[in-house]
Amino acid sequence: MVRLVRSIFKVALFIGLFLLSVRYVHTYPMPMPESQLAFWFAASDWFGIRDPDDLYIPTMVVIELIVTILAYVAIMKLWRRYHLCPR
């Protein structure tokens, strides 16, 4: 039963961290500068994608996932270090 609770907690932590990264790791709703817009248009043309948002959104999801994984690993390592530390 303890394993199930720990697993559920870890999944909930990961989902919570992902939702936080979705909320805070992007440029929306602030408008992009012209240079950034030019980059996304050039990159979408280079990949043969008609709409730059079709490239921007998956790229940002991957970046948010990477940020979530890094935060999750850091929290788990800190928790283990805290938990194993003698008092």
PDB file of N, CA and C in Angstrom:
ATOM      1  N   MET A   1       0.815  -1.189   0.000  1.00  0.00           N
ATOM      2  CA  MET A   1       0.000   0.000   0.000  1.00  0.00           C
ATOM      3  C   MET A   1       0.865   1.263   0.000  1.00  0.00           C
ATOM      4  N   VAL A   2       1.982   1.206   0.724  1.00  0.00           N
ATOM      5  CA  VAL A   2       2.880   2.356   0.783  1.00  0.00           C
ATOM      6  C   VAL A   2       3.476   2.624  -0.595  1.00  0.00           C
ATOM      7  N   ARG A   3       3.813   1.563  -1.314  1.00  0.00           N
ATOM      8  CA  ARG A   3       4.359   1.723  -2.662  1.00  0.00           C
ATOM      9  C   ARG A   3       3.372   2.406  -3.588  1.00  0.00           C
ATOM     10  N   LEU A   4       2.109   2.025  -3.479  1.00  0.00           N
ATOM     11  CA  LEU A   4       1.075   2.621  -4.323  1.00  0.00           C
ATOM     12  C   LEU A   4       0.947   4.116  -4.029  1.00  0.00           C
ATOM     13  N   VAL A   5       0.950   4.473  -2.760  1.00  0.00           N
ATOM     14  CA  VAL A   5       0.839   5.882  -2.385  1.00  0.00           C
ATOM     15  C   VAL A   5       2.050   6.656  -2.872  1.00  0.00           C
ATOM     16  N   ARG A   6       3.247   6.090  -2.728  1.00  0.00           N
ATOM     17  CA  ARG A   6       4.457   6.762  -3.219  1.00  0.00           C
ATOM     18  C   ARG A   6       4.417   6.931  -4.730  1.00  0.00           C
ATOM     19  N   SER A   7       3.965   5.916  -5.437  1.00  0.00           N
ATOM     20  CA  SER A   7       3.877   6.010  -6.892  1.00  0.00           C
ATOM     21  C   SER A   7       2.871   7.072  -7.316  1.00  0.00           C
ATOM     22  N   ILE A   8       1.736   7.090  -6.652  1.00  0.00           N
ATOM     23  CA  ILE A   8       0.720   8.098  -6.974  1.00  0.00           C
ATOM     24  C   ILE A   8       1.255   9.493  -6.668  1.00  0.00           C
ATOM     25  N   PHE A   9       1.973   9.636  -5.542  1.00  0.00           N
ATOM     26  CA  PHE A   9       2.554  10.923  -5.203  1.00  0.00           C
ATOM     27  C   PHE A   9       3.558  11.371  -6.255  1.00  0.00           C
ATOM     28  N   LYS A  10       4.417  10.443  -6.722  1.00  0.00           N
ATOM     29  CA  LYS A  10       5.419  10.789  -7.729  1.00  0.00           C
ATOM     30  C   LYS A  10       4.758  11.202  -9.043  1.00  0.00           C
ATOM     31  N   VAL A  11       3.718  10.486  -9.443  1.00  0.00           N
ATOM     32  CA  VAL A  11       3.000  10.849 -10.672  1.00  0.00           C
ATOM     33  C   VAL A  11       2.330  12.209 -10.516  1.00  0.00           C
ATOM     34  N   ALA A  12       1.714  12.443  -9.365  1.00  0.00           N
ATOM     35  CA  ALA A  12       1.066  13.736  -9.122  1.00  0.00           C
ATOM     36  C   ALA A  12       2.097  14.860  -9.100  1.00  0.00           C
ATOM     37  N   LEU A  13       3.263  14.620  -8.510  1.00  0.00           N
ATOM     38  CA  LEU A  13       4.329  15.613  -8.501  1.00  0.00           C
ATOM     39  C   LEU A  13       4.782  15.929  -9.919  1.00  0.00           C
ATOM     40  N   PHE A  14       4.977  14.897 -10.733  1.00  0.00           N
ATOM     41  CA  PHE A  14       5.422  15.109 -12.107  1.00  0.00           C
ATOM     42  C   PHE A  14       4.370  15.902 -12.898  1.00  0.00           C
ATOM     43  N   ILE A  15       3.111  15.531 -12.756  1.00  0.00           N
ATOM     44  CA  ILE A  15       2.045  16.242 -13.470  1.00  0.00           C
ATOM     45  C   ILE A  15       1.959  17.689 -12.994  1.00  0.00           C
ATOM     46  N   GLY A  16       2.068  17.903 -11.697  1.00  0.00           N
ATOM     47  CA  GLY A  16       2.047  19.259 -11.169  1.00  0.00           C
ATOM     48  C   GLY A  16       3.204  20.097 -11.684  1.00  0.00           C
ATOM     49  N   LEU A  17       4.401  19.511 -11.707  1.00  0.00           N
ATOM     50  CA  LEU A  17       5.556  20.228 -12.245  1.00  0.00           C
ATOM     51  C   LEU A  17       5.382  20.525 -13.729  1.00  0.00           C
ATOM     52  N   PHE A  18       4.803  19.576 -14.476  1.00  0.00           N
ATOM     53  CA  PHE A  18       4.570  19.818 -15.901  1.00  0.00           C
ATOM     54  C   PHE A  18       3.579  20.959 -16.106  1.00  0.00           C
ATOM     55  N   LEU A  19       2.520  20.982 -15.315  1.00  0.00           N
ATOM     56  CA  LEU A  19       1.548  22.068 -15.440  1.00  0.00           C
ATOM     57  C   LEU A  19       2.173  23.415 -15.085  1.00  0.00           C
ATOM     58  N   LEU A  20       3.045  23.431 -14.081  1.00  0.00           N
ATOM     59  CA  LEU A  20       3.748  24.668 -13.755  1.00  0.00           C
ATOM     60  C   LEU A  20       4.669  25.102 -14.889  1.00  0.00           C
ATOM     61  N   SER A  21       5.356  24.150 -15.507  1.00  0.00           N
ATOM     62  CA  SER A  21       6.249  24.519 -16.609  1.00  0.00           C
ATOM     63  C   SER A  21       5.452  24.983 -17.827  1.00  0.00           C
ATOM     64  N   VAL A  22       4.290  24.390 -18.062  1.00  0.00           N
ATOM     65  CA  VAL A  22       3.441  24.854 -19.166  1.00  0.00           C
ATOM     66  C   VAL A  22       3.004  26.288 -18.908  1.00  0.00           C
ATOM     67  N   ARG A  23       2.742  26.590 -17.670  1.00  0.00           N
ATOM     68  CA  ARG A  23       2.271  27.940 -17.315  1.00  0.00           C
ATOM     69  C   ARG A  23       3.374  28.992 -17.424  1.00  0.00           C
ATOM     70  N   TYR A  24       4.615  28.640 -17.065  1.00  0.00           N
ATOM     71  CA  TYR A  24       5.657  29.656 -16.926  1.00  0.00           C
ATOM     72  C   TYR A  24       6.809  29.578 -17.925  1.00  0.00           C
ATOM     73  N   VAL A  25       6.918  28.533 -18.732  1.00  0.00           N
ATOM     74  CA  VAL A  25       8.059  28.397 -19.645  1.00  0.00           C
ATOM     75  C   VAL A  25       7.587  28.617 -21.086  1.00  0.00           C
ATOM     76  N   HIS A  26       7.283  29.847 -21.432  1.00  0.00           N
ATOM     77  CA  HIS A  26       6.936  30.188 -22.804  1.00  0.00           C
ATOM     78  C   HIS A  26       6.848  31.695 -22.942  1.00  0.00           C
ATOM     79  N   THR A  27       6.670  32.162 -24.154  1.00  0.00           N
ATOM     80  CA  THR A  27       6.600  33.608 -24.385  1.00  0.00           C
ATOM     81  C   THR A  27       5.176  34.125 -24.453  1.00  0.00           C
ATOM     82  N   TYR A  28       4.203  33.245 -24.641  1.00  0.00           N
ATOM     83  CA  TYR A  28       2.822  33.713 -24.680  1.00  0.00           C
ATOM     84  C   TYR A  28       2.398  34.141 -23.300  1.00  0.00           C
ATOM     85  N   PRO A  29       1.580  35.105 -23.068  1.00  0.00           N
ATOM     86  CA  PRO A  29       0.828  35.953 -23.978  1.00  0.00           C
ATOM     87  C   PRO A  29       1.588  37.196 -24.425  1.00  0.00           C
ATOM     88  N   MET A  30       2.856  37.322 -24.003  1.00  0.00           N
ATOM     89  CA  MET A  30       3.635  38.472 -24.459  1.00  0.00           C
ATOM     90  C   MET A  30       3.953  38.310 -25.938  1.00  0.00           C
ATOM     91  N   PRO A  31       3.863  39.379 -26.717  1.00  0.00           N
ATOM     92  CA  PRO A  31       4.180  39.257 -28.143  1.00  0.00           C
ATOM     93  C   PRO A  31       5.671  38.984 -28.355  1.00  0.00           C
ATOM     94  N   MET A  32       5.947  38.202 -29.384  1.00  0.00           N
ATOM     95  CA  MET A  32       7.329  37.887 -29.714  1.00  0.00           C
ATOM     96  C   MET A  32       7.972  39.079 -30.414  1.00  0.00           C
ATOM     97  N   PRO A  33       9.267  39.274 -30.199  1.00  0.00           N
ATOM     98  CA  PRO A  33       9.965  40.306 -30.972  1.00  0.00           C
ATOM     99  C   PRO A  33      10.044  39.903 -32.440  1.00  0.00           C
ATOM    100  N   GLU A  34      10.275  40.873 -33.280  1.00  0.00           N
ATOM    101  CA  GLU A  34      10.340  40.615 -34.729  1.00  0.00           C
ATOM    102  C   GLU A  34      11.415  39.597 -35.084  1.00  0.00           C
ATOM    103  N   SER A  35      12.553  39.642 -34.399  1.00  0.00           N
ATOM    104  CA  SER A  35      13.636  38.701 -34.707  1.00  0.00           C
ATOM    105  C   SER A  35      13.222  37.258 -34.384  1.00  0.00           C
ATOM    106  N   GLN A  36      12.488  37.087 -33.302  1.00  0.00           N
ATOM    107  CA  GLN A  36      12.028  35.744 -32.946  1.00  0.00           C
ATOM    108  C   GLN A  36      10.967  35.257 -33.927  1.00  0.00           C
ATOM    109  N   LEU A  37      10.076  36.145 -34.335  1.00  0.00           N
ATOM    110  CA  LEU A  37       9.085  35.771 -35.345  1.00  0.00           C
ATOM    111  C   LEU A  37       9.756  35.379 -36.654  1.00  0.00           C
ATOM    112  N   ALA A  38      10.775  36.145 -37.039  1.00  0.00           N
ATOM    113  CA  ALA A  38      11.501  35.829 -38.277  1.00  0.00           C
ATOM    114  C   ALA A  38      12.165  34.462 -38.174  1.00  0.00           C
ATOM    115  N   PHE A  39      12.715  34.148 -36.994  1.00  0.00           N
ATOM    116  CA  PHE A  39      13.334  32.834 -36.802  1.00  0.00           C
ATOM    117  C   PHE A  39      12.324  31.717 -36.979  1.00  0.00           C
ATOM    118  N   TRP A  40      11.138  31.850 -36.357  1.00  0.00           N
ATOM    119  CA  TRP A  40      10.136  30.791 -36.445  1.00  0.00           C
ATOM    120  C   TRP A  40       9.603  30.643 -37.863  1.00  0.00           C
ATOM    121  N   PHE A  41       9.446  31.757 -38.583  1.00  0.00           N
ATOM    122  CA  PHE A  41       9.009  31.660 -39.979  1.00  0.00           C
ATOM    123  C   PHE A  41      10.079  30.987 -40.837  1.00  0.00           C
ATOM    124  N   ALA A  42      11.354  31.342 -40.622  1.00  0.00           N
ATOM    125  CA  ALA A  42      12.438  30.725 -41.398  1.00  0.00           C
ATOM    126  C   ALA A  42      12.553  29.233 -41.073  1.00  0.00           C
ATOM    127  N   ALA A  43      12.446  28.893 -39.797  1.00  0.00           N
ATOM    128  CA  ALA A  43      12.545  27.479 -39.402  1.00  0.00           C
ATOM    129  C   ALA A  43      11.380  26.671 -39.961  1.00  0.00           C
ATOM    130  N   SER A  44      10.181  27.240 -39.938  1.00  0.00           N
ATOM    131  CA  SER A  44       9.035  26.504 -40.480  1.00  0.00           C
ATOM    132  C   SER A  44       9.148  26.355 -41.988  1.00  0.00           C
ATOM    133  N   ASP A  45       9.678  27.367 -42.672  1.00  0.00           N
ATOM    134  CA  ASP A  45       9.915  27.233 -44.111  1.00  0.00           C
ATOM    135  C   ASP A  45      10.962  26.166 -44.391  1.00  0.00           C
ATOM    136  N   TRP A  46      12.017  26.127 -43.584  1.00  0.00           N
ATOM    137  CA  TRP A  46      13.083  25.160 -43.793  1.00  0.00           C
ATOM    138  C   TRP A  46      12.582  23.733 -43.600  1.00  0.00           C
ATOM    139  N   PHE A  47      11.680  23.512 -42.627  1.00  0.00           N
ATOM    140  CA  PHE A  47      11.110  22.186 -42.391  1.00  0.00           C
ATOM    141  C   PHE A  47       9.931  21.887 -43.301  1.00  0.00           C
ATOM    142  N   GLY A  48       9.479  22.877 -44.076  1.00  0.00           N
ATOM    143  CA  GLY A  48       8.348  22.676 -44.973  1.00  0.00           C
ATOM    144  C   GLY A  48       7.003  22.697 -44.264  1.00  0.00           C
ATOM    145  N   ILE A  49       6.927  23.430 -43.170  1.00  0.00           N
ATOM    146  CA  ILE A  49       5.690  23.544 -42.402  1.00  0.00           C
ATOM    147  C   ILE A  49       5.057  24.878 -42.744  1.00  0.00           C
ATOM    148  N   ARG A  50       3.790  24.841 -43.072  1.00  0.00           N
ATOM    149  CA  ARG A  50       3.112  26.051 -43.526  1.00  0.00           C
ATOM    150  C   ARG A  50       2.890  27.069 -42.406  1.00  0.00           C
ATOM    151  N   ASP A  51       2.468  26.602 -41.236  1.00  0.00           N
ATOM    152  CA  ASP A  51       2.161  27.492 -40.115  1.00  0.00           C
ATOM    153  C   ASP A  51       3.262  27.383 -39.057  1.00  0.00           C
ATOM    154  N   PRO A  52       3.903  28.484 -38.683  1.00  0.00           N
ATOM    155  CA  PRO A  52       4.967  28.422 -37.671  1.00  0.00           C
ATOM    156  C   PRO A  52       4.490  27.903 -36.308  1.00  0.00           C
ATOM    157  N   ASP A  53       3.208  28.077 -35.989  1.00  0.00           N
ATOM    158  CA  ASP A  53       2.695  27.541 -34.724  1.00  0.00           C
ATOM    159  C   ASP A  53       2.739  26.018 -34.691  1.00  0.00           C
ATOM    160  N   ASP A  54       2.672  25.377 -35.859  1.00  0.00           N
ATOM    161  CA  ASP A  54       2.775  23.922 -35.908  1.00  0.00           C
ATOM    162  C   ASP A  54       4.177  23.439 -35.560  1.00  0.00           C
ATOM    163  N   LEU A  55       5.144  24.321 -35.622  1.00  0.00           N
ATOM    164  CA  LEU A  55       6.500  24.003 -35.184  1.00  0.00           C
ATOM    165  C   LEU A  55       6.740  24.508 -33.764  1.00  0.00           C
ATOM    166  N   TYR A  56       6.222  25.683 -33.450  1.00  0.00           N
ATOM    167  CA  TYR A  56       6.455  26.315 -32.158  1.00  0.00           C
ATOM    168  C   TYR A  56       5.848  25.510 -31.007  1.00  0.00           C
ATOM    169  N   ILE A  57       4.615  25.080 -31.154  1.00  0.00           N
ATOM    170  CA  ILE A  57       3.912  24.404 -30.060  1.00  0.00           C
ATOM    171  C   ILE A  57       4.580  23.081 -29.678  1.00  0.00           C
ATOM    172  N   PRO A  58       4.880  22.170 -30.621  1.00  0.00           N
ATOM    173  CA  PRO A  58       5.575  20.939 -30.210  1.00  0.00           C
ATOM    174  C   PRO A  58       6.967  21.203 -29.642  1.00  0.00           C
ATOM    175  N   THR A  59       7.652  22.214 -30.171  1.00  0.00           N
ATOM    176  CA  THR A  59       8.972  22.557 -29.639  1.00  0.00           C
ATOM    177  C   THR A  59       8.862  23.006 -28.192  1.00  0.00           C
ATOM    178  N   MET A  60       7.885  23.838 -27.905  1.00  0.00           N
ATOM    179  CA  MET A  60       7.710  24.315 -26.533  1.00  0.00           C
ATOM    180  C   MET A  60       7.274  23.187 -25.597  1.00  0.00           C
ATOM    181  N   VAL A  61       6.469  22.258 -26.084  1.00  0.00           N
ATOM    182  CA  VAL A  61       6.060  21.120 -25.245  1.00  0.00           C
ATOM    183  C   VAL A  61       7.278  20.266 -24.893  1.00  0.00           C
ATOM    184  N   VAL A  62       8.167  20.060 -25.851  1.00  0.00           N
ATOM    185  CA  VAL A  62       9.380  19.286 -25.574  1.00  0.00           C
ATOM    186  C   VAL A  62      10.255  20.022 -24.560  1.00  0.00           C
ATOM    187  N   ILE A  63      10.408  21.337 -24.723  1.00  0.00           N
ATOM    188  CA  ILE A  63      11.201  22.124 -23.776  1.00  0.00           C
ATOM    189  C   ILE A  63      10.568  22.077 -22.385  1.00  0.00           C
ATOM    190  N   GLU A  64       9.252  22.199 -22.314  1.00  0.00           N
ATOM    191  CA  GLU A  64       8.561  22.128 -21.024  1.00  0.00           C
ATOM    192  C   GLU A  64       8.717  20.754 -20.388  1.00  0.00           C
ATOM    193  N   LEU A  65       8.708  19.714 -21.190  1.00  0.00           N
ATOM    194  CA  LEU A  65       8.912  18.363 -20.674  1.00  0.00           C
ATOM    195  C   LEU A  65      10.327  18.198 -20.134  1.00  0.00           C
ATOM    196  N   ILE A  66      11.309  18.746 -20.826  1.00  0.00           N
ATOM    197  CA  ILE A  66      12.698  18.683 -20.355  1.00  0.00           C
ATOM    198  C   ILE A  66      12.844  19.425 -19.034  1.00  0.00           C
ATOM    199  N   VAL A  67      12.241  20.613 -18.936  1.00  0.00           N
ATOM    200  CA  VAL A  67      12.288  21.383 -17.686  1.00  0.00           C
ATOM    201  C   VAL A  67      11.623  20.596 -16.563  1.00  0.00           C
ATOM    202  N   THR A  68      10.504  19.958 -16.854  1.00  0.00           N
ATOM    203  CA  THR A  68       9.806  19.163 -15.848  1.00  0.00           C
ATOM    204  C   THR A  68      10.667  17.996 -15.369  1.00  0.00           C
ATOM    205  N   ILE A  69      11.302  17.305 -16.285  1.00  0.00           N
ATOM    206  CA  ILE A  69      12.151  16.171 -15.914  1.00  0.00           C
ATOM    207  C   ILE A  69      13.318  16.633 -15.051  1.00  0.00           C
ATOM    208  N   LEU A  70      13.953  17.737 -15.422  1.00  0.00           N
ATOM    209  CA  LEU A  70      15.074  18.249 -14.635  1.00  0.00           C
ATOM    210  C   LEU A  70      14.623  18.650 -13.230  1.00  0.00           C
ATOM    211  N   ALA A  71      13.486  19.314 -13.125  1.00  0.00           N
ATOM    212  CA  ALA A  71      12.974  19.710 -11.808  1.00  0.00           C
ATOM    213  C   ALA A  71      12.606  18.477 -10.983  1.00  0.00           C
ATOM    214  N   TYR A  72      11.980  17.494 -11.607  1.00  0.00           N
ATOM    215  CA  TYR A  72      11.587  16.270 -10.906  1.00  0.00           C
ATOM    216  C   TYR A  72      12.812  15.527 -10.374  1.00  0.00           C
ATOM    217  N   VAL A  73      13.830  15.379 -11.212  1.00  0.00           N
ATOM    218  CA  VAL A  73      15.053  14.681 -10.789  1.00  0.00           C
ATOM    219  C   VAL A  73      15.720  15.441  -9.646  1.00  0.00           C
ATOM    220  N   ALA A  74      15.769  16.771  -9.738  1.00  0.00           N
ATOM    221  CA  ALA A  74      16.382  17.566  -8.670  1.00  0.00           C
ATOM    222  C   ALA A  74      15.613  17.415  -7.361  1.00  0.00           C
ATOM    223  N   ILE A  75      14.295  17.450  -7.420  1.00  0.00           N
ATOM    224  CA  ILE A  75      13.489  17.290  -6.207  1.00  0.00           C
ATOM    225  C   ILE A  75      13.682  15.900  -5.611  1.00  0.00           C
ATOM    226  N   MET A  76      13.720  14.868  -6.444  1.00  0.00           N
ATOM    227  CA  MET A  76      13.909  13.513  -5.929  1.00  0.00           C
ATOM    228  C   MET A  76      15.282  13.353  -5.287  1.00  0.00           C
ATOM    229  N   LYS A  77      16.329  13.925  -5.899  1.00  0.00           N
ATOM    230  CA  LYS A  77      17.666  13.828  -5.303  1.00  0.00           C
ATOM    231  C   LYS A  77      17.735  14.594  -3.993  1.00  0.00           C
ATOM    232  N   LEU A  78      17.153  15.789  -3.953  1.00  0.00           N
ATOM    233  CA  LEU A  78      17.143  16.558  -2.710  1.00  0.00           C
ATOM    234  C   LEU A  78      16.359  15.826  -1.622  1.00  0.00           C
ATOM    235  N   TRP A  79      15.258  15.214  -2.004  1.00  0.00           N
ATOM    236  CA  TRP A  79      14.461  14.482  -1.019  1.00  0.00           C
ATOM    237  C   TRP A  79      15.242  13.290  -0.455  1.00  0.00           C
ATOM    238  N   ARG A  80      15.922  12.558  -1.325  1.00  0.00           N
ATOM    239  CA  ARG A  80      16.725  11.421  -0.851  1.00  0.00           C
ATOM    240  C   ARG A  80      17.844  11.889   0.073  1.00  0.00           C
ATOM    241  N   ARG A  81      18.499  12.984  -0.305  1.00  0.00           N
ATOM    242  CA  ARG A  81      19.579  13.514   0.528  1.00  0.00           C
ATOM    243  C   ARG A  81      19.032  13.963   1.889  1.00  0.00           C
ATOM    244  N   TYR A  82      17.896  14.638   1.890  1.00  0.00           N
ATOM    245  CA  TYR A  82      17.277  15.079   3.142  1.00  0.00           C
ATOM    246  C   TYR A  82      16.823  13.889   3.988  1.00  0.00           C
ATOM    247  N   HIS A  83      16.250  12.903   3.320  1.00  0.00           N
ATOM    248  CA  HIS A  83      15.692  11.743   4.014  1.00  0.00           C
ATOM    249  C   HIS A  83      16.813  10.874   4.631  1.00  0.00           C
ATOM    250  N   LEU A  84      17.958  10.786   3.971  1.00  0.00           N
ATOM    251  CA  LEU A  84      19.067   9.952   4.455  1.00  0.00           C
ATOM    252  C   LEU A  84      19.968  10.700   5.436  1.00  0.00           C
ATOM    253  N   CYS A  85      19.810  11.985   5.551  1.00  0.00           N
ATOM    254  CA  CYS A  85      20.665  12.786   6.429  1.00  0.00           C
ATOM    255  C   CYS A  85      20.365  12.468   7.884  1.00  0.00           C
ATOM    256  N   PRO A  86      21.402  12.163   8.694  1.00  0.00           N
ATOM    257  CA  PRO A  86      21.136  11.869  10.113  1.00  0.00           C
ATOM    258  C   PRO A  86      20.742  13.126  10.875  1.00  0.00           C
ATOM    259  N   ARG A  87      19.905  12.956  11.843  1.00  0.00           N
ATOM    260  CA  ARG A  87      19.412  14.113  12.602  1.00  0.00           C
ATOM    261  C   ARG A  87      19.965  14.129  13.974  1.00  0.00           C
TER     262      ARG A  87
END
